[in-house]
């Protein structure tokens, strides 16, 4: 990998989460492991200090205290080994993805099953047979499927393409598990996750923890358990008083009503069933933020970039799609020509509706048959059905289609099968 490649330059935008997610997990894992070790080591040193201050003790008591210290030291050793193992896995994943990006830069093909969880050998990747763009497309599609909730389909695609080492399935599984629990009206798993990441959430000024605490408080009020609700508020609301005082006052006001139905009428937003869906969306945003994942699926980012490069004022408008019964049908095109990718389907039109038009200072015509650019030495010709072909393609049509010399006066459109007289083909002049 040269210095001007992936490592020496900027990683493409679509591939940045591929590196940032495992690198962030490595950083978090290292910090958490160090804190656990420091806490346990401090407790062991305190016990040793207390042993020295007790003075003379009996042999049995000393044996018991020393045995407890040995047990805790063995526990400390186990925690250190577990932390090292987890860090090594994240380091291995980062190295494998760096190697993969380097091969993407060089255009090397990849083997479908070599990029599994612990595959890092570049030599193995270079002897593979899966095109790089295929693995990249599969990775983007998998990410989109995971986020859209099609988990079984995404897992099947991961297994079929052999890209387990390129997809953060564990991250998506955790988000799915906690998000599903929130939709069921359960906050416990989300609160455990918040407690593990409280310091980082605080740095991002997150309001997720208060939202969860407030929702649990409201559920107590809904069940007419006012004493329990007030005790819960006293235990958990003071920590958020500085930033959420207005919300705390609104929540506490619900305890002044004799019945939960009356409180729900006075504060419908707090008691709405959609509050759980809002908490789920807020959790998913915070989860992606802490894992350095992109807010929008990278597949949509790539499609938007492609559509913005293709979109022009002649594209079919999508404003009336909802009122059009045939909106899903392919828009009609002139002369049976291929539809524009930017307006070929309702989904593409909706995705590109708010995108800017492509800015082209100089346009080029590309022959659909040969792929060659049409210019003054290879001018365009128009068939009677409206399709454009280049002069070189027009010369190749009879021989490529097996037309005899007696039929050279005929031109056959290979896309539609229509036959035309050569005299009906017209040269096209484009005025700028």
Protein backbone atom coordinates (compact mmCIF):
# COMPACT_ATOMS: atom_id res chain seq x y z
CA UNK A 1 0.00 0.00 0.00
CA UNK A 2 1.64 3.22 -1.08
CA UNK A 3 1.74 6.45 0.88
CA UNK A 4 -0.78 8.08 -1.41
CA UNK A 5 -3.33 5.31 -0.98
CA UNK A 6 -6.03 4.88 1.61
CA UNK A 7 -3.73 5.28 4.62
CA UNK A 8 -1.78 8.19 3.18
CA UNK A 9 -4.83 10.13 2.03
CA UNK A 10 -8.48 10.58 2.96
CA UNK A 11 -10.71 7.56 3.41
CA UNK A 12 -13.79 7.86 1.14
CA UNK A 13 -16.88 9.10 2.91
CA UNK A 14 -18.80 5.86 2.34
CA UNK A 15 -16.02 3.86 3.99
CA UNK A 16 -15.32 6.07 7.01
CA UNK A 17 -17.76 4.29 9.38
CA UNK A 18 -16.01 1.04 8.46
CA UNK A 19 -12.97 2.28 10.41
CA UNK A 20 -14.53 4.62 12.93
CA UNK A 21 -16.90 2.09 14.51
CA UNK A 22 -14.29 -0.54 15.52
CA UNK A 23 -11.76 2.16 16.43
CA UNK A 24 -14.29 3.76 18.77
CA UNK A 25 -15.14 0.39 20.30
CA UNK A 26 -11.42 -0.22 20.89
CA UNK A 27 -11.07 3.14 22.61
CA UNK A 28 -14.12 2.57 24.83
CA UNK A 29 -13.09 -0.98 25.69
CA UNK A 30 -9.60 0.15 26.68
CA UNK A 31 -10.90 2.93 28.93
CA UNK A 32 -13.46 0.67 30.61
CA UNK A 33 -10.93 -2.11 31.17
CA UNK A 34 -8.44 0.32 32.71
CA UNK A 35 -11.08 1.70 35.04
CA UNK A 36 -12.13 -1.75 36.20
CA UNK A 37 -8.54 -2.74 36.88
CA UNK A 38 -7.76 0.51 38.71
CA UNK A 39 -10.86 0.15 40.89
CA UNK A 40 -10.08 -3.45 41.80
CA UNK A 41 -6.40 -2.73 42.41
CA UNK A 42 -7.25 0.21 44.69
CA UNK A 43 -9.56 -2.05 46.74
CA UNK A 44 -6.82 -4.71 47.07
CA UNK A 45 -4.24 -2.14 48.18
CA UNK A 46 -6.68 -0.80 50.79
CA UNK A 47 -7.11 -4.29 52.19
CA UNK A 48 -3.35 -4.78 52.36
CA UNK A 49 -3.02 -1.51 54.20
CA UNK A 50 -5.67 -2.53 56.72
CA UNK A 51 -3.91 -5.84 57.27
CA UNK A 52 -0.73 -4.03 58.24
CA UNK A 53 -2.60 -1.81 60.69
CA UNK A 54 -4.27 -4.65 62.60
CA UNK A 55 -1.05 -5.70 64.31
CA UNK A 56 -0.72 -9.24 65.66
CA UNK A 57 -3.51 -11.57 64.59
CA UNK A 58 -4.11 -15.28 64.84
CA UNK A 59 -2.82 -17.73 62.28
CA UNK A 60 -6.30 -18.81 61.24
CA UNK A 61 -7.48 -15.22 60.76
CA UNK A 62 -4.32 -14.33 58.81
CA UNK A 63 -4.78 -17.39 56.61
CA UNK A 64 -8.36 -16.38 55.85
CA UNK A 65 -7.46 -12.77 54.99
CA UNK A 66 -4.54 -13.82 52.82
CA UNK A 67 -6.79 -16.32 51.03
CA UNK A 68 -9.29 -13.53 50.31
CA UNK A 69 -6.48 -11.37 48.91
CA UNK A 70 -5.29 -14.21 46.70
CA UNK A 71 -8.85 -14.72 45.43
CA UNK A 72 -9.18 -11.06 44.58
CA UNK A 73 -5.78 -11.05 42.87
CA UNK A 74 -6.86 -14.01 40.74
CA UNK A 75 -10.04 -12.08 39.87
CA UNK A 76 -7.94 -9.06 38.92
CA UNK A 77 -5.77 -11.24 36.68
CA UNK A 78 -8.85 -12.68 35.00
CA UNK A 79 -10.26 -9.19 34.34
CA UNK A 80 -6.95 -8.06 32.85
CA UNK A 81 -6.87 -11.09 30.53
CA UNK A 82 -10.48 -10.56 29.47
CA UNK A 83 -9.76 -6.91 28.72
CA UNK A 84 -6.70 -7.82 26.67
CA UNK A 85 -8.66 -10.43 24.72
CA UNK A 86 -11.45 -7.98 23.90
CA UNK A 87 -8.96 -5.27 22.91
CA UNK A 88 -7.10 -7.73 20.68
CA UNK A 89 -10.35 -8.59 18.87
CA UNK A 90 -11.07 -4.92 18.17
CA UNK A 91 -7.48 -4.33 17.05
CA UNK A 92 -7.72 -7.33 14.73
CA UNK A 93 -10.96 -6.04 13.27
CA UNK A 94 -9.43 -2.59 12.66
CA UNK A 95 -6.38 -4.15 10.99
CA UNK A 96 -8.53 -6.36 8.77
CA UNK A 97 -10.59 -3.39 7.64
CA UNK A 98 -7.49 -1.30 6.95
CA UNK A 99 -6.15 -4.14 4.81
CA UNK A 100 -9.51 -4.39 3.05
CA UNK A 101 -9.54 -0.65 2.25
CA UNK A 102 -6.01 -0.93 0.94
CA UNK A 103 -7.09 -3.69 -1.42
CA UNK A 104 -10.09 -1.60 -2.45
CA UNK A 105 -7.69 1.17 -3.41
CA UNK A 106 -5.56 -1.19 -5.48
CA UNK A 107 -8.59 -2.88 -7.10
CA UNK A 108 -7.72 -6.36 -5.84
CA UNK A 109 -10.49 -8.95 -5.87
CA UNK A 110 -11.62 -10.49 -2.58
CA UNK A 111 -12.72 -13.95 -1.59
CA UNK A 112 -16.26 -14.14 -0.29
CA UNK A 113 -15.55 -16.00 2.94
CA UNK A 114 -12.10 -14.65 3.80
CA UNK A 115 -13.27 -11.45 5.49
CA UNK A 116 -14.84 -13.22 8.42
CA UNK A 117 -14.54 -12.01 11.99
CA UNK A 118 -10.81 -12.68 12.45
CA UNK A 119 -9.42 -12.66 8.90
CA UNK A 120 -6.57 -10.17 8.59
CA UNK A 121 -4.02 -11.71 6.23
CA UNK A 122 -3.54 -9.56 3.14
CA UNK A 123 -2.00 -12.46 1.24
CA UNK A 124 -5.22 -14.42 1.69
CA UNK A 125 -7.28 -11.48 0.46
CA UNK A 126 -5.13 -11.03 -2.61
CA UNK A 127 -5.70 -14.65 -3.66
CA UNK A 128 -9.47 -14.21 -3.62
CA UNK A 129 -12.11 -14.07 -6.32
CA UNK A 130 -14.87 -11.65 -5.19
CA UNK A 131 -14.85 -8.20 -6.87
CA UNK A 132 -14.22 -5.35 -4.46
CA UNK A 133 -17.30 -3.41 -5.56
CA UNK A 134 -19.46 -6.47 -4.91
CA UNK A 135 -18.34 -6.66 -1.28
CA UNK A 136 -18.79 -2.92 -0.86
CA UNK A 137 -22.32 -3.00 -2.28
CA UNK A 138 -23.22 -5.98 -0.12
CA UNK A 139 -21.89 -4.17 2.94
CA UNK A 140 -23.95 -1.04 2.25
CA UNK A 141 -27.08 -3.09 1.59
CA UNK A 142 -26.56 -5.07 4.82
CA UNK A 143 -26.27 -1.89 6.86
CA UNK A 144 -29.49 -0.57 5.34
CA UNK A 145 -31.33 -3.83 5.99
CA UNK A 146 -30.20 -3.91 9.63
CA UNK A 147 -31.39 -0.34 10.19
CA UNK A 148 -34.67 -0.95 8.41
CA UNK A 149 -35.41 -3.94 10.65
CA UNK A 150 -34.96 -6.71 8.05
CA UNK A 151 -32.54 -8.54 10.32
CA UNK A 152 -32.92 -12.08 9.00
CA UNK A 153 -32.45 -10.89 5.43
CA UNK A 154 -29.38 -8.90 6.44
CA UNK A 155 -27.86 -11.87 8.27
CA UNK A 156 -28.53 -14.12 5.29
CA UNK A 157 -26.80 -11.64 2.97
CA UNK A 158 -23.83 -11.37 5.36
CA UNK A 159 -23.45 -15.16 5.32
CA UNK A 160 -23.90 -15.44 1.56
CA UNK A 161 -21.40 -12.68 0.76
CA UNK A 162 -18.96 -13.71 3.49
CA UNK A 163 -18.55 -10.18 4.84
CA UNK A 164 -19.04 -10.79 8.56
CA UNK A 165 -15.77 -8.97 9.26
CA UNK A 166 -17.03 -5.86 7.44
CA UNK A 167 -20.43 -5.58 9.12
CA UNK A 168 -20.93 -4.52 12.75
CA UNK A 169 -23.68 -7.04 13.42
CA UNK A 170 -23.21 -6.91 17.20
CA UNK A 171 -23.80 -3.17 17.24
CA UNK A 172 -27.00 -3.53 15.22
CA UNK A 173 -28.15 -6.46 17.39
CA UNK A 174 -27.69 -4.42 20.56
CA UNK A 175 -29.59 -1.47 19.11
CA UNK A 176 -32.38 -3.79 17.93
CA UNK A 177 -32.69 -5.49 21.33
CA UNK A 178 -32.88 -2.27 23.33
CA UNK A 179 -35.09 -0.51 20.78
CA UNK A 180 -37.55 -3.41 20.76
CA UNK A 181 -37.67 -3.38 24.57
CA UNK A 182 -38.53 0.32 24.53
CA UNK A 183 -41.38 -0.27 22.11
CA UNK A 184 -42.68 -2.89 24.57
CA UNK A 185 -42.66 -0.27 27.31
CA UNK A 186 -39.53 -1.49 29.12
CA UNK A 187 -36.76 0.89 30.17
CA UNK A 188 -34.52 -1.43 32.16
CA UNK A 189 -32.20 -2.52 29.34
CA UNK A 190 -31.90 1.05 28.03
CA UNK A 191 -31.06 2.33 31.53
CA UNK A 192 -28.34 -0.31 31.89
CA UNK A 193 -26.84 0.86 28.60
CA UNK A 194 -27.07 4.49 29.73
CA UNK A 195 -25.31 3.70 33.02
CA UNK A 196 -22.42 2.11 31.09
CA UNK A 197 -22.02 5.19 28.87
CA UNK A 198 -23.13 7.94 31.23
CA UNK A 199 -19.89 9.93 31.07
CA UNK A 200 -19.83 10.00 27.27
CA UNK A 201 -23.53 10.81 27.04
CA UNK A 202 -23.00 13.70 29.44
CA UNK A 203 -20.26 15.09 27.20
CA UNK A 204 -22.75 15.10 24.32
CA UNK A 205 -25.39 16.83 26.51
CA UNK A 206 -27.73 13.90 25.98
CA UNK A 207 -31.22 13.97 27.45
CA UNK A 208 -31.82 10.25 26.97
CA UNK A 209 -31.43 9.26 30.62
CA UNK A 210 -33.87 11.92 31.80
CA UNK A 211 -36.32 10.89 29.09
CA UNK A 212 -36.22 7.30 30.33
CA UNK A 213 -36.58 8.33 33.98
CA UNK A 214 -39.46 10.64 33.13
CA UNK A 215 -41.24 7.89 31.21
CA UNK A 216 -40.91 5.46 34.14
CA UNK A 217 -42.28 8.18 36.42
CA UNK A 218 -45.24 8.76 34.11
CA UNK A 219 -46.00 5.04 34.04
CA UNK A 220 -46.20 5.06 37.85
CA UNK A 221 -48.61 7.99 37.69
CA UNK A 222 -50.63 6.19 35.01
CA UNK A 223 -51.00 3.22 37.36
CA UNK A 224 -52.15 5.58 40.16
CA UNK A 225 -49.07 4.81 42.29
CA UNK A 226 -48.47 8.38 43.40
CA UNK A 227 -46.35 7.65 46.51
CA UNK A 228 -44.06 5.42 44.47
CA UNK A 229 -43.91 8.06 41.70
CA UNK A 230 -42.93 10.80 44.16
CA UNK A 231 -40.25 8.56 45.73
CA UNK A 232 -38.94 7.73 42.26
CA UNK A 233 -38.77 11.44 41.35
CA UNK A 234 -36.87 12.25 44.56
CA UNK A 235 -34.35 9.53 43.78
CA UNK A 236 -33.68 10.30 40.11
CA UNK A 237 -34.83 13.81 39.12
CA UNK A 238 -32.40 15.96 41.19
CA UNK A 239 -29.45 14.86 39.04
CA UNK A 240 -31.17 16.48 36.01
CA UNK A 241 -32.57 19.58 37.73
CA UNK A 242 -30.00 21.94 36.24
CA UNK A 243 -30.81 21.14 32.61
CA UNK A 244 -34.37 19.76 32.75
CA UNK A 245 -36.12 21.85 35.43
CA UNK A 246 -39.04 22.85 33.23
CA UNK A 247 -39.70 19.26 32.20
CA UNK A 248 -39.43 18.11 35.82
CA UNK A 249 -42.01 20.69 36.89
CA UNK A 250 -44.42 19.55 34.18
CA UNK A 251 -43.96 15.91 35.16
CA UNK A 252 -44.43 16.62 38.88
CA UNK A 253 -47.60 18.57 38.13
CA UNK A 254 -49.26 15.32 37.05
CA UNK A 255 -49.22 14.11 40.69
CA UNK A 256 -51.53 16.99 41.70
CA UNK A 257 -54.50 15.43 39.89
CA UNK A 258 -56.65 12.92 41.76
CA UNK A 259 -56.94 10.57 38.77
CA UNK A 260 -54.49 9.55 36.07
CA UNK A 261 -57.14 10.16 33.38
CA UNK A 262 -57.39 13.80 34.44
CA UNK A 263 -53.60 14.19 34.36
CA UNK A 264 -53.49 12.60 30.91
CA UNK A 265 -56.08 15.09 29.68
CA UNK A 266 -54.10 18.04 31.07
CA UNK A 267 -50.73 16.78 29.77
CA UNK A 268 -51.50 14.62 26.72
CA UNK A 269 -47.92 14.74 25.38
CA UNK A 270 -46.56 13.06 28.51
CA UNK A 271 -49.13 10.25 28.46
CA UNK A 272 -49.21 9.67 24.69
CA UNK A 273 -48.47 6.16 23.45
CA UNK A 274 -46.10 7.65 20.88
CA UNK A 275 -43.73 8.64 23.70
CA UNK A 276 -42.21 5.16 23.63
CA UNK A 277 -41.54 5.38 19.89
CA UNK A 278 -39.93 8.78 20.48
CA UNK A 279 -37.67 7.29 23.14
CA UNK A 280 -36.71 4.50 20.77
CA UNK A 281 -35.72 6.96 18.05
CA UNK A 282 -33.78 9.05 20.56
CA UNK A 283 -31.93 5.98 21.79
CA UNK A 284 -31.05 4.91 18.24
CA UNK A 285 -29.62 8.38 17.53
CA UNK A 286 -27.53 8.34 20.71
CA UNK A 287 -26.42 4.77 20.03
CA UNK A 288 -25.18 5.69 16.55
CA UNK A 289 -23.49 8.81 17.90
CA UNK A 290 -21.52 6.95 20.56
CA UNK A 291 -20.46 4.27 18.08
CA UNK A 292 -19.41 6.90 15.50
CA UNK A 293 -21.86 5.40 13.00
CA UNK A 294 -23.45 7.59 10.34
CA UNK A 295 -26.83 9.13 11.05
CA UNK A 296 -28.15 8.13 7.62
CA UNK A 297 -27.55 4.72 6.00
CA UNK A 298 -24.55 4.98 3.69
CA UNK A 299 -26.50 3.25 0.94
CA UNK A 300 -28.86 6.24 0.77
CA UNK A 301 -25.89 8.62 0.82
CA UNK A 302 -24.34 6.84 -2.15
CA UNK A 303 -27.64 6.71 -4.04
CA UNK A 304 -28.26 10.40 -3.36
CA UNK A 305 -24.83 11.31 -4.72
CA UNK A 306 -25.46 9.27 -7.85
CA UNK A 307 -28.94 10.68 -8.37
CA UNK A 308 -27.69 14.24 -7.89
CA UNK A 309 -25.17 13.64 -10.68
CA UNK A 310 -27.91 12.35 -13.01
CA UNK A 311 -30.86 14.55 -12.11
CA UNK A 312 -31.82 17.34 -14.50
CA UNK A 313 -34.89 19.56 -15.07
CA UNK A 314 -36.29 17.04 -17.57
CA UNK A 315 -36.63 14.35 -14.89
CA UNK A 316 -40.17 13.31 -13.98
CA UNK A 317 -41.48 15.34 -11.05
CA UNK A 318 -42.41 13.41 -7.90
CA UNK A 319 -44.80 15.97 -6.39
CA UNK A 320 -47.91 14.26 -7.77
CA UNK A 321 -46.80 10.67 -7.12
CA UNK A 322 -49.19 10.20 -4.20
CA UNK A 323 -52.18 11.17 -6.31
CA UNK A 324 -51.10 9.09 -9.30
CA UNK A 325 -52.53 5.57 -9.35
CA UNK A 326 -49.78 4.45 -11.73
CA UNK A 327 -46.95 6.15 -9.83
CA UNK A 328 -45.02 2.90 -9.44
CA UNK A 329 -44.97 2.30 -13.18
CA UNK A 330 -41.94 3.30 -15.20
CA UNK A 331 -42.49 6.81 -16.68
CA UNK A 332 -43.07 6.86 -20.43
CA UNK A 333 -40.01 7.63 -22.51
CA UNK A 334 -39.68 8.98 -26.00
CA UNK A 335 -39.30 6.36 -28.68
CA UNK A 336 -38.90 3.44 -26.28
CA UNK A 337 -35.56 4.75 -24.97
CA UNK A 338 -34.21 3.53 -21.64
CA UNK A 339 -35.72 5.45 -18.68
CA UNK A 340 -33.57 7.86 -16.73
CA UNK A 341 -32.28 6.15 -13.54
CA UNK A 342 -33.19 9.24 -11.52
CA UNK A 343 -36.89 8.93 -12.35
CA UNK A 344 -37.26 5.25 -13.27
CA UNK A 345 -39.30 4.36 -10.18
CA UNK A 346 -41.36 5.98 -7.47
CA UNK A 347 -38.72 5.23 -4.82
CA UNK A 348 -35.95 6.85 -6.88
CA UNK A 349 -38.10 9.90 -7.57
CA UNK A 350 -38.89 10.27 -3.88
CA UNK A 351 -35.23 9.94 -2.91
CA UNK A 352 -34.13 12.50 -5.47
CA UNK A 353 -37.03 14.94 -5.01
CA UNK A 354 -35.05 17.34 -2.80
CA UNK A 355 -31.67 16.85 -4.43
CA UNK A 356 -30.13 19.60 -6.57
CA UNK A 357 -29.89 19.30 -10.31
CA UNK A 358 -26.56 18.19 -11.74
CA UNK A 359 -24.36 21.05 -12.91
CA UNK A 360 -22.85 20.25 -16.29
CA UNK A 361 -20.86 22.93 -18.08
CA UNK A 362 -20.41 20.62 -21.07
CA UNK A 363 -22.63 17.65 -21.90
CA UNK A 364 -21.64 14.47 -23.72
CA UNK A 365 -23.69 11.95 -25.64
CA UNK A 366 -22.81 8.28 -25.06
CA UNK A 367 -23.85 5.59 -27.51
CA UNK A 368 -26.04 3.04 -25.73
CA UNK A 369 -24.78 0.22 -28.00
CA UNK A 370 -21.00 0.73 -28.02
CA UNK A 371 -20.51 2.95 -24.96
CA UNK A 372 -18.40 5.33 -27.08
CA UNK A 373 -18.72 9.10 -26.88
CA UNK A 374 -20.44 10.72 -29.86
CA UNK A 375 -18.65 13.72 -31.36
CA UNK A 376 -17.78 15.22 -34.73
CA UNK A 377 -15.80 12.11 -35.77
CA UNK A 378 -18.44 9.74 -34.46
CA UNK A 379 -21.67 11.71 -34.95
CA UNK A 380 -25.06 10.64 -33.61
CA UNK A 381 -27.81 9.26 -35.81
CA UNK A 382 -31.50 9.05 -34.95
CA UNK A 383 -33.56 5.97 -35.72
CA UNK A 384 -37.24 6.52 -36.59
CA UNK A 385 -38.23 5.22 -33.11
CA UNK A 386 -36.32 8.07 -31.46
CA UNK A 387 -33.27 6.11 -30.30
CA UNK A 388 -29.82 7.58 -30.87
CA UNK A 389 -26.88 5.50 -32.10
CA UNK A 390 -23.38 6.51 -33.07
CA UNK A 391 -21.98 6.28 -36.59
CA UNK A 392 -19.63 3.46 -35.60
CA UNK A 393 -22.54 1.48 -34.12
CA UNK A 394 -24.59 2.07 -37.25
CA UNK A 395 -21.80 0.56 -39.36
CA UNK A 396 -21.49 -2.46 -37.05
CA UNK A 397 -25.21 -3.26 -36.87
CA UNK A 398 -25.57 -5.33 -40.11
CA UNK A 399 -22.56 -7.58 -39.45
CA UNK A 400 -23.25 -8.00 -35.74
CA UNK A 401 -26.83 -9.05 -36.45
CA UNK A 402 -25.94 -11.44 -39.29
CA UNK A 403 -27.68 -9.37 -42.01
CA UNK A 404 -26.82 -10.40 -45.59
CA UNK A 405 -25.36 -8.00 -48.14
CA UNK A 406 -28.72 -7.84 -49.94
CA UNK A 407 -30.30 -6.49 -46.78
CA UNK A 408 -27.72 -3.79 -46.00
CA UNK A 409 -30.35 -1.19 -46.76
CA UNK A 410 -32.11 -2.24 -43.54
CA UNK A 411 -31.23 -1.18 -40.01
CA UNK A 412 -32.39 -3.29 -37.07
CA UNK A 413 -32.64 -1.80 -33.58
CA UNK A 414 -31.15 -4.54 -31.36
CA UNK A 415 -33.01 -3.29 -28.31
CA UNK A 416 -36.54 -3.37 -29.77
CA UNK A 417 -36.10 -5.60 -32.83
CA UNK A 418 -37.66 -2.98 -35.13
CA UNK A 419 -36.45 -2.77 -38.74
CA UNK A 420 -36.03 0.50 -40.64
CA UNK A 421 -34.79 1.50 -44.07
CA UNK A 422 -31.35 3.07 -44.10
CA UNK A 423 -32.84 6.11 -45.81
CA UNK A 424 -35.05 6.72 -42.74
CA UNK A 425 -32.06 7.15 -40.44
CA UNK A 426 -31.21 10.83 -39.95
CA UNK A 427 -28.01 12.45 -38.81
CA UNK A 428 -28.44 14.55 -35.68
CA UNK A 429 -26.97 18.03 -35.29
CA UNK A 430 -26.78 19.54 -31.80
CA UNK A 431 -26.62 23.31 -31.50
CA UNK A 432 -25.12 24.77 -28.35
